[in-house]
Amino acid sequence: MPKVSSNVLIIFVKYPQAGRVKTRLAKKIGKRNAANLYRLFVEAVLKRTEGKNFKRIICYTPLDKEKRIKKWLAGNGLEFCSQEGRDLGERLFNVFRFALGSSAARRVVTIGSDSPMIDREVVNSAFKALETKHCVLGPALDGGYYLIGLSLFNKEAFRGIDWGTKKVLGQTLDKLKKAKISCGLLEPSFDVDTYNDISYLEEKLSIHRQRNPRGLKPISSALRRIRHSYPLK
């Protein structure tokens, strides 16, 4: 495992192999289109979260793609670790236990790579919240969360959660409340998981291109090609 510093951003990434990522989206736009779009999401998130206030670690899967992932994403001061666990709860549990087990790490934030809307402004807001709270969550519109951060490690946030359902955020908040763990909430956002999410993504892209366009142009171009082949209803 890599060394960590006071503020650590951990980005969960999958290798963009056709048929292994964005499988629900792939049913409508094809496996290669879905994998390419996911690759662009990852690259956009990396560009948009560059900052001096935190260290970034790529937490990747699968392990047998380690060399290809590092070749793809190497540079910009990134460090790498593999995802460990049978489900998202175990993977989050393990990475937080590692990061907050380091004497240097005081605040740790994790995000996925399913939405290119996340940027360093969002990340810095999360670290700011952790100055006064033990936990911070970024609610997702599908009932889950797109970001979780901790300044105090507690296993309760990751146990007994129905991962992949609309219950994730509510169950997590209930667990934190029962454990008397203070929690802050960021602005809601969304993940792109299905065909219908593309329309919402295009709407948000038009707004973010004016406010913070970094890394979004390749995604807009890809969506235009996808829309041409698979007209959105």
C-alpha atoms as a PDB file:
ATOM      1  CA  MET A   1       0.000   0.000   0.000  1.00  0.00           C
ATOM      2  CA  PRO A   2       1.204   3.549  -0.774  1.00  0.00           C
ATOM      3  CA  LYS A   3       1.969   6.108   1.899  1.00  0.00           C
ATOM      4  CA  VAL A   4      -0.686   8.725   2.560  1.00  0.00           C
ATOM      5  CA  SER A   5      -0.814  12.349   3.681  1.00  0.00           C
ATOM      6  CA  SER A   6      -3.219  14.433   5.775  1.00  0.00           C
ATOM      7  CA  ASN A   7      -6.012  14.726   3.172  1.00  0.00           C
ATOM      8  CA  VAL A   8      -6.429  11.729   0.893  1.00  0.00           C
ATOM      9  CA  LEU A   9      -8.769  11.306  -2.061  1.00  0.00           C
ATOM     10  CA  ILE A  10      -9.262   7.693  -3.104  1.00  0.00           C
ATOM     11  CA  ILE A  11     -10.789   7.127  -6.546  1.00  0.00           C
ATOM     12  CA  PHE A  12     -12.331   3.724  -7.251  1.00  0.00           C
ATOM     13  CA  VAL A  13     -11.598   2.672 -10.828  1.00  0.00           C
ATOM     14  CA  LYS A  14     -12.319  -0.387 -12.952  1.00  0.00           C
ATOM     15  CA  TYR A  15     -10.302  -1.304 -16.022  1.00  0.00           C
ATOM     16  CA  PRO A  16     -12.465  -0.201 -19.010  1.00  0.00           C
ATOM     17  CA  GLN A  17     -12.839  -3.618 -20.605  1.00  0.00           C
ATOM     18  CA  ALA A  18     -15.838  -4.045 -22.903  1.00  0.00           C
ATOM     19  CA  GLY A  19     -18.457  -6.202 -21.258  1.00  0.00           C
ATOM     20  CA  ARG A  20     -17.030  -5.663 -17.745  1.00  0.00           C
ATOM     21  CA  VAL A  21     -18.030  -2.052 -17.089  1.00  0.00           C
ATOM     22  CA  LYS A  22     -21.315  -0.170 -17.469  1.00  0.00           C
ATOM     23  CA  THR A  23     -23.126  -3.413 -18.243  1.00  0.00           C
ATOM     24  CA  ARG A  24     -26.630  -1.945 -17.884  1.00  0.00           C
ATOM     25  CA  LEU A  25     -25.735   0.911 -20.211  1.00  0.00           C
ATOM     26  CA  ALA A  26     -24.097  -1.542 -22.621  1.00  0.00           C
ATOM     27  CA  LYS A  27     -27.439  -3.269 -23.192  1.00  0.00           C
ATOM     28  CA  LYS A  28     -28.583  -0.170 -25.059  1.00  0.00           C
ATOM     29  CA  ILE A  29     -25.441   1.306 -26.632  1.00  0.00           C
ATOM     30  CA  GLY A  30     -23.155  -1.715 -26.983  1.00  0.00           C
ATOM     31  CA  LYS A  31     -20.286  -3.001 -24.879  1.00  0.00           C
ATOM     32  CA  ARG A  32     -17.529  -1.035 -26.641  1.00  0.00           C
ATOM     33  CA  ASN A  33     -19.408   2.267 -26.512  1.00  0.00           C
ATOM     34  CA  ALA A  34     -20.152   1.763 -22.825  1.00  0.00           C
ATOM     35  CA  ALA A  35     -16.536   0.882 -22.018  1.00  0.00           C
ATOM     36  CA  ASN A  36     -15.214   3.861 -23.983  1.00  0.00           C
ATOM     37  CA  LEU A  37     -17.622   6.200 -22.221  1.00  0.00           C
ATOM     38  CA  TYR A  38     -16.525   4.853 -18.847  1.00  0.00           C
ATOM     39  CA  ARG A  39     -12.865   5.372 -19.812  1.00  0.00           C
ATOM     40  CA  LEU A  40     -13.640   9.006 -20.622  1.00  0.00           C
ATOM     41  CA  PHE A  41     -15.429   9.379 -17.271  1.00  0.00           C
ATOM     42  CA  VAL A  42     -12.336   8.204 -15.410  1.00  0.00           C
ATOM     43  CA  GLU A  43     -10.036  10.503 -17.371  1.00  0.00           C
ATOM     44  CA  ALA A  44     -12.369  13.462 -16.800  1.00  0.00           C
ATOM     45  CA  VAL A  45     -12.603  12.833 -13.049  1.00  0.00           C
ATOM     46  CA  LEU A  46      -8.806  12.704 -12.829  1.00  0.00           C
ATOM     47  CA  LYS A  47      -8.438  16.010 -14.673  1.00  0.00           C
ATOM     48  CA  ARG A  48     -11.201  17.677 -12.697  1.00  0.00           C
ATOM     49  CA  THR A  49      -9.969  16.600  -9.264  1.00  0.00           C
ATOM     50  CA  GLU A  50      -6.378  17.785  -9.608  1.00  0.00           C
ATOM     51  CA  GLY A  51      -5.495  19.855  -6.562  1.00  0.00           C
ATOM     52  CA  LYS A  52      -2.787  20.745  -4.078  1.00  0.00           C
ATOM     53  CA  ASN A  53      -4.822  20.191  -0.921  1.00  0.00           C
ATOM     54  CA  PHE A  54      -4.912  16.392  -1.069  1.00  0.00           C
ATOM     55  CA  LYS A  55      -3.089  13.288  -2.248  1.00  0.00           C
ATOM     56  CA  ARG A  56      -4.856  11.065  -4.789  1.00  0.00           C
ATOM     57  CA  ILE A  57      -4.812   7.271  -4.801  1.00  0.00           C
ATOM     58  CA  ILE A  58      -6.328   5.100  -7.529  1.00  0.00           C
ATOM     59  CA  CYS A  59      -7.982   2.052  -5.984  1.00  0.00           C
ATOM     60  CA  TYR A  60      -8.325  -0.297  -8.945  1.00  0.00           C
ATOM     61  CA  THR A  61      -9.819  -3.584 -10.036  1.00  0.00           C
ATOM     62  CA  PRO A  62      -9.260  -6.216 -11.353  1.00  0.00           C
ATOM     63  CA  LEU A  63      -5.863  -7.130 -10.004  1.00  0.00           C
ATOM     64  CA  ASP A  64      -4.799  -8.912 -13.210  1.00  0.00           C
ATOM     65  CA  LYS A  65      -5.082  -5.578 -15.082  1.00  0.00           C
ATOM     66  CA  GLU A  66      -2.680  -3.805 -12.730  1.00  0.00           C
ATOM     67  CA  LYS A  67       0.022  -3.143 -15.334  1.00  0.00           C
ATOM     68  CA  ARG A  68      -2.449  -1.872 -17.917  1.00  0.00           C
ATOM     69  CA  ILE A  69      -4.199   0.368 -15.396  1.00  0.00           C
ATOM     70  CA  LYS A  70      -0.931   1.905 -14.229  1.00  0.00           C
ATOM     71  CA  LYS A  71       0.197   2.448 -17.827  1.00  0.00           C
ATOM     72  CA  TRP A  72      -3.148   4.080 -18.613  1.00  0.00           C
ATOM     73  CA  LEU A  73      -3.299   6.377 -15.578  1.00  0.00           C
ATOM     74  CA  ALA A  74       0.330   6.822 -14.516  1.00  0.00           C
ATOM     75  CA  GLY A  75       1.565  10.332 -13.853  1.00  0.00           C
ATOM     76  CA  ASN A  76       0.287  13.442 -12.089  1.00  0.00           C
ATOM     77  CA  GLY A  77       1.511  12.188  -8.717  1.00  0.00           C
ATOM     78  CA  LEU A  78      -1.053   9.374  -8.561  1.00  0.00           C
ATOM     79  CA  GLU A  79      -0.508   6.362  -6.337  1.00  0.00           C
ATOM     80  CA  PHE A  80      -2.193   2.989  -6.649  1.00  0.00           C
ATOM     81  CA  CYS A  81      -3.702   0.243  -4.536  1.00  0.00           C
ATOM     82  CA  SER A  82      -5.931  -2.687  -5.411  1.00  0.00           C
ATOM     83  CA  GLN A  83      -9.538  -3.080  -4.327  1.00  0.00           C
ATOM     84  CA  GLU A  84      -9.962  -5.813  -1.736  1.00  0.00           C
ATOM     85  CA  GLY A  85     -13.319  -7.303  -0.786  1.00  0.00           C
ATOM     86  CA  ARG A  86     -16.274  -9.280  -2.069  1.00  0.00           C
ATOM     87  CA  ASP A  87     -18.643  -6.311  -2.374  1.00  0.00           C
ATOM     88  CA  LEU A  88     -18.545  -2.531  -2.243  1.00  0.00           C
ATOM     89  CA  GLY A  89     -18.990  -2.493   1.522  1.00  0.00           C
ATOM     90  CA  GLU A  90     -15.937  -4.665   2.117  1.00  0.00           C
ATOM     91  CA  ARG A  91     -13.879  -2.703  -0.400  1.00  0.00           C
ATOM     92  CA  LEU A  92     -14.734   0.597   1.261  1.00  0.00           C
ATOM     93  CA  PHE A  93     -14.159  -0.870   4.720  1.00  0.00           C
ATOM     94  CA  ASN A  94     -10.694  -2.124   3.748  1.00  0.00           C
ATOM     95  CA  VAL A  95      -9.518   1.042   2.042  1.00  0.00           C
ATOM     96  CA  PHE A  96     -10.664   3.297   4.894  1.00  0.00           C
ATOM     97  CA  ARG A  97      -9.122   1.000   7.477  1.00  0.00           C
ATOM     98  CA  PHE A  98      -5.825   1.210   5.607  1.00  0.00           C
ATOM     99  CA  ALA A  99      -5.882   4.957   4.973  1.00  0.00           C
ATOM    100  CA  LEU A 100      -7.025   6.052   8.426  1.00  0.00           C
ATOM    101  CA  GLY A 101      -4.699   3.519  10.003  1.00  0.00           C
ATOM    102  CA  SER A 102      -1.822   5.676   8.797  1.00  0.00           C
ATOM    103  CA  SER A 103      -0.669   8.263  11.310  1.00  0.00           C
ATOM    104  CA  ALA A 104      -0.448  10.827   8.509  1.00  0.00           C
ATOM    105  CA  ALA A 105      -4.009  10.526   7.188  1.00  0.00           C
ATOM    106  CA  ARG A 106      -6.543  12.606   9.062  1.00  0.00           C
ATOM    107  CA  ARG A 107      -9.320  12.915   6.497  1.00  0.00           C
ATOM    108  CA  VAL A 108     -10.097  10.415   3.733  1.00  0.00           C
ATOM    109  CA  VAL A 109     -12.626  10.835   0.930  1.00  0.00           C
ATOM    110  CA  THR A 110     -13.571   8.177  -1.607  1.00  0.00           C
ATOM    111  CA  ILE A 111     -15.402   8.631  -4.891  1.00  0.00           C
ATOM    112  CA  GLY A 112     -16.300   6.384  -7.783  1.00  0.00           C
ATOM    113  CA  SER A 113     -15.799   7.117 -11.455  1.00  0.00           C
ATOM    114  CA  ASP A 114     -19.382   6.812 -12.696  1.00  0.00           C
ATOM    115  CA  SER A 115     -19.979  10.524 -13.132  1.00  0.00           C
ATOM    116  CA  PRO A 116     -17.679  13.152 -14.655  1.00  0.00           C
ATOM    117  CA  MET A 117     -19.399  15.939 -12.728  1.00  0.00           C
ATOM    118  CA  ILE A 118     -17.209  15.481  -9.664  1.00  0.00           C
ATOM    119  CA  ASP A 119     -14.438  18.075  -9.446  1.00  0.00           C
ATOM    120  CA  ARG A 120     -11.981  19.442  -6.913  1.00  0.00           C
ATOM    121  CA  GLU A 121     -14.578  21.926  -5.649  1.00  0.00           C
ATOM    122  CA  VAL A 122     -16.747  18.999  -4.554  1.00  0.00           C
ATOM    123  CA  VAL A 123     -13.748  17.203  -3.058  1.00  0.00           C
ATOM    124  CA  ASN A 124     -12.585  20.274  -1.147  1.00  0.00           C
ATOM    125  CA  SER A 125     -16.113  20.742   0.199  1.00  0.00           C
ATOM    126  CA  ALA A 126     -15.969  17.188   1.508  1.00  0.00           C
ATOM    127  CA  PHE A 127     -12.633  17.759   3.247  1.00  0.00           C
ATOM    128  CA  LYS A 128     -13.971  21.012   4.694  1.00  0.00           C
ATOM    129  CA  ALA A 129     -16.968  19.166   6.142  1.00  0.00           C
ATOM    130  CA  LEU A 130     -14.636  16.612   7.738  1.00  0.00           C
ATOM    131  CA  GLU A 131     -12.987  19.359   9.762  1.00  0.00           C
ATOM    132  CA  THR A 132     -16.101  19.394  11.974  1.00  0.00           C
ATOM    133  CA  LYS A 133     -17.814  16.075  11.152  1.00  0.00           C
ATOM    134  CA  HIS A 134     -16.701  12.460  11.428  1.00  0.00           C
ATOM    135  CA  CYS A 135     -18.392  11.550   8.145  1.00  0.00           C
ATOM    136  CA  VAL A 136     -19.523  13.261   4.945  1.00  0.00           C
ATOM    137  CA  LEU A 137     -21.790  11.835   2.248  1.00  0.00           C
ATOM    138  CA  GLY A 138     -22.626  12.984  -1.269  1.00  0.00           C
ATOM    139  CA  PRO A 139     -26.192  11.786  -1.909  1.00  0.00           C
ATOM    140  CA  ALA A 140     -26.882  10.260  -5.319  1.00  0.00           C
ATOM    141  CA  LEU A 141     -30.231  10.664  -7.034  1.00  0.00           C
ATOM    142  CA  ASP A 142     -30.662   6.889  -7.219  1.00  0.00           C
ATOM    143  CA  GLY A 143     -30.727   6.514  -3.440  1.00  0.00           C
ATOM    144  CA  GLY A 144     -27.054   5.709  -2.965  1.00  0.00           C
ATOM    145  CA  TYR A 145     -24.102   8.027  -2.572  1.00  0.00           C
ATOM    146  CA  TYR A 146     -21.388   9.188  -4.970  1.00  0.00           C
ATOM    147  CA  LEU A 147     -18.938  10.195  -2.230  1.00  0.00           C
ATOM    148  CA  ILE A 148     -18.158   9.157   1.314  1.00  0.00           C
ATOM    149  CA  GLY A 149     -15.518  10.623   3.581  1.00  0.00           C
ATOM    150  CA  LEU A 150     -14.382   9.841   7.110  1.00  0.00           C
ATOM    151  CA  SER A 151     -12.198  11.539   9.682  1.00  0.00           C
ATOM    152  CA  LEU A 152     -12.803   8.744  12.170  1.00  0.00           C
ATOM    153  CA  PHE A 153     -12.854   5.116  11.087  1.00  0.00           C
ATOM    154  CA  ASN A 154     -16.017   3.242  11.992  1.00  0.00           C
ATOM    155  CA  LYS A 155     -17.105  -0.085  10.525  1.00  0.00           C
ATOM    156  CA  GLU A 156     -20.807   0.599  11.046  1.00  0.00           C
ATOM    157  CA  ALA A 157     -21.047   2.666   7.865  1.00  0.00           C
ATOM    158  CA  PHE A 158     -20.318  -0.418   5.761  1.00  0.00           C
ATOM    159  CA  ARG A 159     -22.104  -3.293   7.471  1.00  0.00           C
ATOM    160  CA  GLY A 160     -25.685  -4.425   6.890  1.00  0.00           C
ATOM    161  CA  ILE A 161     -26.145  -2.227   3.810  1.00  0.00           C
ATOM    162  CA  ASP A 162     -28.124  -3.417   0.776  1.00  0.00           C
ATOM    163  CA  TRP A 163     -25.494  -2.376  -1.763  1.00  0.00           C
ATOM    164  CA  GLY A 164     -26.699  -1.523  -5.246  1.00  0.00           C
ATOM    165  CA  THR A 165     -30.212  -0.591  -4.092  1.00  0.00           C
ATOM    166  CA  LYS A 166     -32.128   2.605  -3.375  1.00  0.00           C
ATOM    167  CA  LYS A 167     -31.751   1.906   0.342  1.00  0.00           C
ATOM    168  CA  VAL A 168     -28.001   2.573   0.567  1.00  0.00           C
ATOM    169  CA  LEU A 169     -28.049   6.227   1.630  1.00  0.00           C
ATOM    170  CA  GLY A 170     -30.928   5.849   4.090  1.00  0.00           C
ATOM    171  CA  GLN A 171     -29.466   2.741   5.679  1.00  0.00           C
ATOM    172  CA  THR A 172     -26.041   4.367   5.976  1.00  0.00           C
ATOM    173  CA  LEU A 173     -27.488   7.457   7.645  1.00  0.00           C
ATOM    174  CA  ASP A 174     -29.417   5.246  10.066  1.00  0.00           C
ATOM    175  CA  LYS A 175     -26.248   3.307  10.936  1.00  0.00           C
ATOM    176  CA  LEU A 176     -24.291   6.503  11.526  1.00  0.00           C
ATOM    177  CA  LYS A 177     -27.042   7.963  13.691  1.00  0.00           C
ATOM    178  CA  LYS A 178     -27.248   4.846  15.872  1.00  0.00           C
ATOM    179  CA  ALA A 179     -23.457   4.861  16.248  1.00  0.00           C
ATOM    180  CA  LYS A 180     -23.602   8.594  17.145  1.00  0.00           C
ATOM    181  CA  ILE A 181     -21.286   9.505  14.281  1.00  0.00           C
ATOM    182  CA  SER A 182     -21.717  13.094  13.082  1.00  0.00           C
ATOM    183  CA  CYS A 183     -22.365  13.381   9.355  1.00  0.00           C
ATOM    184  CA  GLY A 184     -22.465  16.213   6.840  1.00  0.00           C
ATOM    185  CA  LEU A 185     -24.197  16.106   3.451  1.00  0.00           C
ATOM    186  CA  LEU A 186     -23.012  17.576   0.167  1.00  0.00           C
ATOM    187  CA  GLU A 187     -25.137  18.641  -2.792  1.00  0.00           C
ATOM    188  CA  PRO A 188     -26.898  15.701  -4.515  1.00  0.00           C
ATOM    189  CA  SER A 189     -25.436  14.392  -7.765  1.00  0.00           C
ATOM    190  CA  PHE A 190     -25.834  11.323  -9.949  1.00  0.00           C
ATOM    191  CA  ASP A 191     -24.123   8.319 -11.493  1.00  0.00           C
ATOM    192  CA  VAL A 192     -24.496   7.321 -15.132  1.00  0.00           C
ATOM    193  CA  ASP A 193     -25.596   3.700 -14.991  1.00  0.00           C
ATOM    194  CA  THR A 194     -28.432   3.360 -17.494  1.00  0.00           C
ATOM    195  CA  TYR A 195     -29.495   4.547 -20.922  1.00  0.00           C
ATOM    196  CA  ASN A 196     -31.939   7.027 -19.402  1.00  0.00           C
ATOM    197  CA  ASP A 197     -29.125   8.672 -17.402  1.00  0.00           C
ATOM    198  CA  ILE A 198     -27.505   9.891 -20.623  1.00  0.00           C
ATOM    199  CA  SER A 199     -30.161  12.566 -21.147  1.00  0.00           C
ATOM    200  CA  TYR A 200     -29.540  13.911 -17.644  1.00  0.00           C
ATOM    201  CA  LEU A 201     -25.781  13.802 -18.242  1.00  0.00           C
ATOM    202  CA  GLU A 202     -26.126  15.879 -21.411  1.00  0.00           C
ATOM    203  CA  GLU A 203     -28.169  18.454 -19.528  1.00  0.00           C
ATOM    204  CA  LYS A 204     -25.531  18.711 -16.796  1.00  0.00           C
ATOM    205  CA  LEU A 205     -22.682  18.824 -19.297  1.00  0.00           C
ATOM    206  CA  SER A 206     -24.154  21.932 -20.925  1.00  0.00           C
ATOM    207  CA  ILE A 207     -24.080  23.650 -17.518  1.00  0.00           C
ATOM    208  CA  HIS A 208     -20.668  22.434 -16.389  1.00  0.00           C
ATOM    209  CA  ARG A 209     -19.012  23.265 -19.717  1.00  0.00           C
ATOM    210  CA  GLN A 210     -19.648  26.913 -18.904  1.00  0.00           C
ATOM    211  CA  ARG A 211     -18.616  26.700 -15.238  1.00  0.00           C
ATOM    212  CA  ASN A 212     -15.798  24.133 -15.351  1.00  0.00           C
ATOM    213  CA  PRO A 213     -15.285  22.530 -18.784  1.00  0.00           C
ATOM    214  CA  ARG A 214     -12.112  20.636 -17.933  1.00  0.00           C
ATOM    215  CA  GLY A 215     -12.153  17.069 -19.242  1.00  0.00           C
ATOM    216  CA  LEU A 216     -15.729  17.243 -20.544  1.00  0.00           C
ATOM    217  CA  LYS A 217     -15.218  17.875 -24.275  1.00  0.00           C
ATOM    218  CA  PRO A 218     -14.306  14.238 -25.152  1.00  0.00           C
ATOM    219  CA  ILE A 219     -17.425  13.046 -23.319  1.00  0.00           C
ATOM    220  CA  SER A 220     -19.650  15.471 -25.228  1.00  0.00           C
ATOM    221  CA  SER A 221     -18.167  14.259 -28.509  1.00  0.00           C
ATOM    222  CA  ALA A 222     -18.710  10.609 -27.547  1.00  0.00           C
ATOM    223  CA  LEU A 223     -22.314  11.301 -26.574  1.00  0.00           C
ATOM    224  CA  ARG A 224     -23.005  12.936 -29.931  1.00  0.00           C
ATOM    225  CA  ARG A 225     -21.749   9.805 -31.695  1.00  0.00           C
ATOM    226  CA  ILE A 226     -23.801   7.574 -29.429  1.00  0.00           C
ATOM    227  CA  ARG A 227     -26.918   9.688 -29.926  1.00  0.00           C
ATOM    228  CA  HIS A 228     -26.475   9.440 -33.699  1.00  0.00           C
ATOM    229  CA  SER A 229     -26.402   5.628 -33.563  1.00  0.00           C
ATOM    230  CA  TYR A 230     -28.827   5.202 -30.678  1.00  0.00           C
ATOM    231  CA  PRO A 231     -31.310   8.111 -30.704  1.00  0.00           C
ATOM    232  CA  LEU A 232     -32.416   9.098 -27.231  1.00  0.00           C
ATOM    233  CA  LYS A 233     -36.125   9.080 -26.572  1.00  0.00           C
END
